[in-house]
Amino acid sequence: MLLTDSFLDYLLYERNYAESTVKRYQMDILELQKFGEEQIEELTPSGVDAELIREWIIFMMDRGCAPATINRKLSSLRTYYKFLLRRGEVEVDPLQKITGPKKTKPLPVFLREKDMDRLLDDIDFGEGFEGCRDHMIIEMFYATGMRLSELIGLDDEDVDFSTSLIKVTGKRNKQRLIPFDEELKRSMREYVNVRNEAVSVRSDAFFVRENGKRLYPSIVSSLVKRNLSKVVTVKKRSPHVLRHTFATAMLNNGADLGSIKELLGHESLATTEIYTHTTFEELKKVYNQAHPRA
């Protein structure tokens, strides 16, 4: 018998785990036991070795278990064998050199360039200050790739119209400069004029509410979701999607990864490389749709 009642009592009474959690540990261990007993007639805790664990992992993967599920089951077994080692019931932890399957990172969601063109050129954002501001926010995200926190944190003094540079304060207060073109410059000047006319008392913030105070993250997230819904049906419609859209558009139009890394404020090039996978997936879709033998 692989499972010991003393382990379940330990989780329940010493670790104060919920009964549902203890039940999950029990099921994970019994699942390994069932698999192992198909190969070993009478399975004991000391009879489990690394080879059996690896075969169990392959078995679960073949059945379509997600990496997260497999790693959770391995975590249950690791806790169990640490318990057995402390009590001297086994001499070796068979999971010591076991590495679970890696979780596959989902590719970033992004909008096609034609959808962004339609949103910025054809969609009505409404009249007055709020409509102008909301359009400016969408355009700013798409033109610069900045994060939500960076956009909210922008002050008037961070936008230098003479040099066409925006100073952005990113993670860990690290600052970087993002250049902007004539089109964005015209849009920003128009927004500033409308804002200054509509809002009499303001803070130092570049983007403000009607009362002149800095925007909340929830306000920006809500307006982005509302306006993206006008051109796309993708489930995720957040400011970060516009950041992904900026990076993908830059890559598709010839920018090198190093430049995109600097514009996005990534610490590592490896983080930026996810966009090459995104572009490749898009190329595969185009190929499958267009090629007669695809």
Protein backbone atom coordinates (compact mmCIF):
# COMPACT_ATOMS: atom_id res chain seq x y z
CA MET A 1 0.00 0.00 0.00
CA LEU A 2 1.47 3.34 -1.09
CA LEU A 3 -0.62 5.80 0.90
CA THR A 4 -0.37 6.05 4.69
CA ASP A 5 -3.21 7.38 6.84
CA SER A 6 -0.68 9.20 9.03
CA PHE A 7 0.15 11.51 6.11
CA LEU A 8 -3.49 12.50 5.66
CA ASP A 9 -3.80 13.12 9.43
CA TYR A 10 -0.66 15.24 9.26
CA LEU A 11 -2.15 17.43 6.51
CA LEU A 12 -5.50 17.70 8.25
CA TYR A 13 -4.51 18.27 11.87
CA GLU A 14 -0.92 19.60 11.81
CA ARG A 15 -0.96 21.62 8.60
CA ASN A 16 -4.64 22.56 9.01
CA TYR A 17 -5.40 21.88 5.36
CA ALA A 18 -9.02 21.92 4.27
CA GLU A 19 -10.67 18.54 3.85
CA SER A 20 -11.09 19.17 0.12
CA THR A 21 -7.34 19.83 -0.20
CA VAL A 22 -6.46 16.68 1.74
CA LYS A 23 -8.81 14.71 -0.50
CA ARG A 24 -6.96 16.02 -3.55
CA TYR A 25 -3.62 14.90 -2.11
CA GLN A 26 -5.13 11.51 -1.43
CA MET A 27 -6.46 11.15 -4.98
CA ASP A 28 -3.10 12.17 -6.49
CA ILE A 29 -1.20 9.55 -4.49
CA LEU A 30 -3.79 6.85 -5.18
CA GLU A 31 -3.59 7.68 -8.88
CA LEU A 32 0.15 7.01 -8.86
CA GLN A 33 -0.49 3.82 -6.86
CA LYS A 34 -3.00 2.56 -9.43
CA PHE A 35 -0.54 3.27 -12.25
CA GLY A 36 2.37 1.68 -10.40
CA GLU A 37 0.50 -1.49 -9.41
CA GLU A 38 -0.03 -2.28 -13.08
CA GLN A 39 3.75 -2.77 -13.25
CA ILE A 40 4.69 -3.74 -9.69
CA GLU A 41 2.48 -6.30 -7.93
CA GLU A 42 2.70 -4.77 -4.46
CA LEU A 43 3.78 -1.15 -4.49
CA THR A 44 5.30 0.39 -1.36
CA PRO A 45 6.56 3.96 -0.83
CA SER A 46 10.19 2.79 -1.06
CA GLY A 47 9.38 0.87 -4.24
CA VAL A 48 8.65 4.04 -6.17
CA ASP A 49 11.64 5.28 -8.16
CA ALA A 50 12.32 8.13 -10.55
CA GLU A 51 11.79 5.91 -13.58
CA LEU A 52 8.26 5.05 -12.45
CA ILE A 53 7.48 8.74 -11.85
CA ARG A 54 8.71 9.64 -15.35
CA GLU A 55 6.60 6.88 -16.90
CA TRP A 56 3.60 8.21 -14.96
CA ILE A 57 4.23 11.72 -16.30
CA ILE A 58 4.37 10.40 -19.88
CA PHE A 59 1.18 8.41 -19.26
CA MET A 60 -0.63 11.54 -18.04
CA MET A 61 0.65 13.61 -20.97
CA ASP A 62 -0.54 10.97 -23.44
CA ARG A 63 -3.98 11.20 -21.84
CA GLY A 64 -4.02 14.95 -22.50
CA CYS A 65 -3.40 16.21 -18.95
CA ALA A 66 -2.38 19.86 -18.89
CA PRO A 67 1.14 20.69 -17.62
CA ALA A 68 -0.40 22.63 -14.70
CA THR A 69 -2.39 19.54 -13.62
CA ILE A 70 0.64 17.25 -13.84
CA ASN A 71 2.80 19.68 -11.87
CA ARG A 72 0.12 19.93 -9.17
CA LYS A 73 0.08 16.13 -8.83
CA LEU A 74 3.88 16.08 -8.62
CA SER A 75 3.68 18.74 -5.90
CA SER A 76 1.41 16.44 -3.88
CA LEU A 77 3.93 13.62 -4.23
CA ARG A 78 6.82 15.89 -3.22
CA THR A 79 5.02 16.88 -0.01
CA TYR A 80 4.28 13.21 0.68
CA TYR A 81 7.87 12.06 0.26
CA LYS A 82 9.25 14.90 2.37
CA PHE A 83 6.91 13.67 5.11
CA LEU A 84 8.13 10.07 4.69
CA LEU A 85 11.79 11.14 4.72
CA ARG A 86 11.34 13.05 7.97
CA ARG A 87 9.77 9.99 9.56
CA GLY A 88 12.48 7.68 8.26
CA GLU A 89 10.02 5.54 6.29
CA VAL A 90 12.02 5.99 3.07
CA GLU A 91 15.67 6.77 2.44
CA VAL A 92 15.40 8.33 -1.01
CA ASP A 93 13.04 10.90 -2.51
CA PRO A 94 12.19 9.60 -6.02
CA LEU A 95 11.07 13.09 -7.08
CA GLN A 96 14.35 14.79 -6.22
CA LYS A 97 15.56 14.91 -9.84
CA ILE A 98 12.14 15.01 -11.48
CA THR A 99 11.20 18.09 -13.50
CA GLY A 100 7.58 18.53 -14.48
CA PRO A 101 6.45 19.54 -17.96
CA LYS A 102 6.81 23.22 -18.77
CA LYS A 103 3.69 25.32 -19.00
CA THR A 104 3.12 26.64 -22.49
CA LYS A 105 2.88 30.41 -22.49
CA PRO A 106 -0.14 31.71 -24.41
CA LEU A 107 0.74 33.90 -27.35
CA PRO A 108 -0.08 37.60 -26.90
CA VAL A 109 -3.45 38.76 -28.20
CA PHE A 110 -3.15 41.60 -30.70
CA LEU A 111 -5.28 43.46 -33.24
CA ARG A 112 -4.66 43.52 -36.96
CA GLU A 113 -3.47 46.80 -38.46
CA LYS A 114 -6.65 47.16 -40.52
CA ASP A 115 -8.75 46.90 -37.33
CA MET A 116 -6.68 49.61 -35.65
CA ASP A 117 -6.97 51.82 -38.74
CA ARG A 118 -10.74 51.38 -38.71
CA LEU A 119 -10.93 52.14 -34.98
CA LEU A 120 -8.84 55.30 -35.14
CA ASP A 121 -10.04 56.62 -38.51
CA ASP A 122 -13.69 55.55 -38.85
CA ILE A 123 -15.19 54.94 -35.40
CA ASP A 124 -16.99 57.79 -33.61
CA PHE A 125 -15.64 58.31 -30.09
CA GLY A 126 -18.22 60.95 -29.24
CA GLU A 127 -18.18 64.71 -28.99
CA GLY A 128 -16.41 66.92 -26.47
CA PHE A 129 -13.52 66.44 -24.10
CA GLU A 130 -14.09 62.77 -23.17
CA GLY A 131 -14.42 61.63 -26.78
CA CYS A 132 -11.21 63.46 -27.72
CA ARG A 133 -9.38 62.09 -24.66
CA ASP A 134 -10.51 58.51 -25.21
CA HIS A 135 -9.41 58.58 -28.85
CA MET A 136 -6.07 60.06 -27.77
CA ILE A 137 -5.55 57.29 -25.20
CA ILE A 138 -6.15 54.53 -27.76
CA GLU A 139 -3.86 56.27 -30.23
CA MET A 140 -1.16 56.77 -27.58
CA PHE A 141 -1.16 53.08 -26.62
CA TYR A 142 -0.96 51.99 -30.26
CA ALA A 143 1.69 54.55 -31.25
CA THR A 144 4.04 54.06 -28.28
CA GLY A 145 3.41 50.60 -26.77
CA MET A 146 3.51 52.03 -23.25
CA ARG A 147 2.00 50.23 -20.27
CA LEU A 148 -1.22 51.28 -18.57
CA SER A 149 0.62 52.52 -15.48
CA GLU A 150 3.03 54.48 -17.66
CA LEU A 151 0.23 56.21 -19.56
CA ILE A 152 -1.61 57.17 -16.36
CA GLY A 153 1.62 58.43 -14.84
CA LEU A 154 2.42 60.79 -17.73
CA ASP A 155 2.73 64.47 -16.80
CA ASP A 156 2.64 67.43 -19.15
CA GLU A 157 6.36 67.97 -18.63
CA ASP A 158 7.06 64.42 -19.87
CA VAL A 159 5.88 65.29 -23.40
CA ASP A 160 8.48 67.31 -25.27
CA PHE A 161 6.98 68.63 -28.50
CA SER A 162 10.22 70.31 -29.56
CA THR A 163 12.22 67.06 -29.64
CA SER A 164 9.23 64.74 -30.31
CA LEU A 165 10.05 62.59 -27.30
CA ILE A 166 7.95 61.24 -24.43
CA LYS A 167 9.67 60.44 -21.14
CA VAL A 168 8.11 57.32 -19.61
CA THR A 169 8.64 55.99 -16.10
CA GLY A 170 8.34 52.21 -16.19
CA LYS A 171 8.82 49.35 -13.78
CA ARG A 172 11.15 49.96 -10.82
CA ASN A 173 11.07 53.68 -11.73
CA LYS A 174 13.25 53.03 -14.77
CA GLN A 175 12.86 55.84 -17.30
CA ARG A 176 13.06 55.64 -21.08
CA LEU A 177 12.39 57.94 -24.03
CA ILE A 178 9.84 57.09 -26.73
CA PRO A 179 9.91 59.08 -29.98
CA PHE A 180 6.68 60.11 -31.71
CA ASP A 181 5.82 61.16 -35.24
CA GLU A 182 4.02 64.17 -36.70
CA GLU A 183 0.64 62.45 -36.72
CA LEU A 184 0.77 61.70 -32.99
CA LYS A 185 2.11 65.21 -32.35
CA ARG A 186 -0.93 66.74 -34.09
CA SER A 187 -3.29 64.50 -32.12
CA MET A 188 -1.63 65.38 -28.80
CA ARG A 189 -1.71 69.12 -29.52
CA GLU A 190 -5.39 68.88 -30.41
CA TYR A 191 -6.11 66.94 -27.21
CA VAL A 192 -4.18 69.45 -25.07
CA ASN A 193 -6.15 72.34 -26.58
CA VAL A 194 -9.51 70.62 -25.98
CA ARG A 195 -8.46 69.62 -22.46
CA ASN A 196 -7.27 73.07 -21.48
CA GLU A 197 -10.50 74.59 -22.73
CA ALA A 198 -12.80 72.05 -21.07
CA VAL A 199 -10.97 71.54 -17.75
CA SER A 200 -10.28 74.74 -15.83
CA VAL A 201 -8.47 73.31 -12.81
CA ARG A 202 -5.99 70.52 -13.42
CA SER A 203 -3.20 68.49 -11.85
CA ASP A 204 0.16 67.97 -13.60
CA ALA A 205 -1.22 64.87 -15.32
CA PHE A 206 -1.34 64.71 -19.10
CA PHE A 207 -4.49 62.57 -19.14
CA VAL A 208 -7.19 63.73 -16.73
CA ARG A 209 -10.83 63.29 -15.77
CA GLU A 210 -13.37 66.08 -16.22
CA ASN A 211 -12.60 67.25 -12.66
CA GLY A 212 -8.95 67.76 -13.67
CA LYS A 213 -7.56 64.88 -11.61
CA ARG A 214 -5.43 62.00 -12.85
CA LEU A 215 -7.18 58.98 -14.36
CA TYR A 216 -7.72 55.69 -12.52
CA PRO A 217 -6.53 52.41 -14.14
CA SER A 218 -10.12 51.11 -14.12
CA ILE A 219 -11.34 54.12 -16.13
CA VAL A 220 -8.72 53.56 -18.83
CA SER A 221 -9.27 49.78 -18.93
CA SER A 222 -13.01 50.31 -19.28
CA LEU A 223 -12.76 52.84 -22.12
CA VAL A 224 -10.24 50.67 -23.98
CA LYS A 225 -12.47 47.60 -23.69
CA ARG A 226 -15.54 49.57 -24.77
CA ASN A 227 -13.88 51.00 -27.86
CA LEU A 228 -12.03 47.84 -28.94
CA SER A 229 -15.40 46.06 -28.83
CA LYS A 230 -16.48 48.27 -31.74
CA VAL A 231 -14.02 46.62 -34.15
CA VAL A 232 -13.09 43.18 -32.76
CA THR A 233 -14.71 40.26 -30.95
CA VAL A 234 -11.59 38.88 -29.23
CA LYS A 235 -12.21 37.98 -25.60
CA LYS A 236 -9.27 39.98 -24.27
CA ARG A 237 -9.64 43.72 -24.92
CA SER A 238 -7.27 45.41 -22.48
CA PRO A 239 -4.63 48.17 -22.70
CA HIS A 240 -2.01 45.41 -22.76
CA VAL A 241 -3.53 44.09 -26.00
CA LEU A 242 -2.71 47.48 -27.55
CA ARG A 243 0.86 47.16 -26.26
CA HIS A 244 1.07 43.75 -27.97
CA THR A 245 -0.48 45.29 -31.10
CA PHE A 246 2.19 48.01 -31.17
CA ALA A 247 5.03 45.47 -30.88
CA THR A 248 3.58 43.12 -33.49
CA ALA A 249 2.98 45.98 -35.94
CA MET A 250 6.55 47.21 -35.45
CA LEU A 251 7.97 43.73 -36.09
CA ASN A 252 5.76 43.16 -39.13
CA ASN A 253 6.94 46.44 -40.61
CA GLY A 254 10.65 45.76 -40.35
CA ALA A 255 11.73 46.90 -36.86
CA ASP A 256 14.44 44.78 -35.24
CA LEU A 257 13.86 43.05 -31.90
CA GLY A 258 16.50 45.12 -30.10
CA SER A 259 14.73 48.37 -30.96
CA ILE A 260 11.34 46.98 -29.97
CA LYS A 261 12.85 45.81 -26.67
CA GLU A 262 14.05 49.34 -25.88
CA LEU A 263 10.74 50.96 -26.88
CA LEU A 264 8.77 48.54 -24.70
CA GLY A 265 11.15 48.85 -21.76
CA HIS A 266 11.81 45.11 -21.50
CA GLU A 267 14.71 44.00 -19.31
CA SER A 268 15.50 40.97 -21.46
CA LEU A 269 15.39 40.31 -25.18
CA ALA A 270 13.83 36.93 -24.38
CA THR A 271 10.67 38.74 -23.27
CA THR A 272 10.46 40.57 -26.60
CA GLU A 273 11.03 37.39 -28.62
CA ILE A 274 7.47 36.24 -27.89
CA TYR A 275 6.39 38.58 -30.69
CA THR A 276 8.37 36.61 -33.27
CA HIS A 277 6.22 33.60 -32.36
CA THR A 278 3.09 35.72 -32.69
CA THR A 279 4.12 36.87 -36.16
CA PHE A 280 4.99 33.32 -37.19
CA GLU A 281 1.56 32.10 -36.07
CA GLU A 282 -0.01 34.85 -38.18
CA LEU A 283 2.06 33.77 -41.18
CA LYS A 284 0.89 30.18 -40.73
CA LYS A 285 -2.75 31.34 -40.72
CA VAL A 286 -2.21 33.32 -43.93
CA TYR A 287 -0.49 30.33 -45.55
CA ASN A 288 -3.24 27.90 -44.56
CA GLN A 289 -5.91 30.24 -45.88
CA ALA A 290 -4.18 31.18 -49.14
CA HIS A 291 -2.12 28.24 -50.36
CA PRO A 292 -4.07 25.81 -52.59
CA ARG A 293 -2.35 22.75 -51.09
CA ALA A 294 -2.48 23.92 -47.46
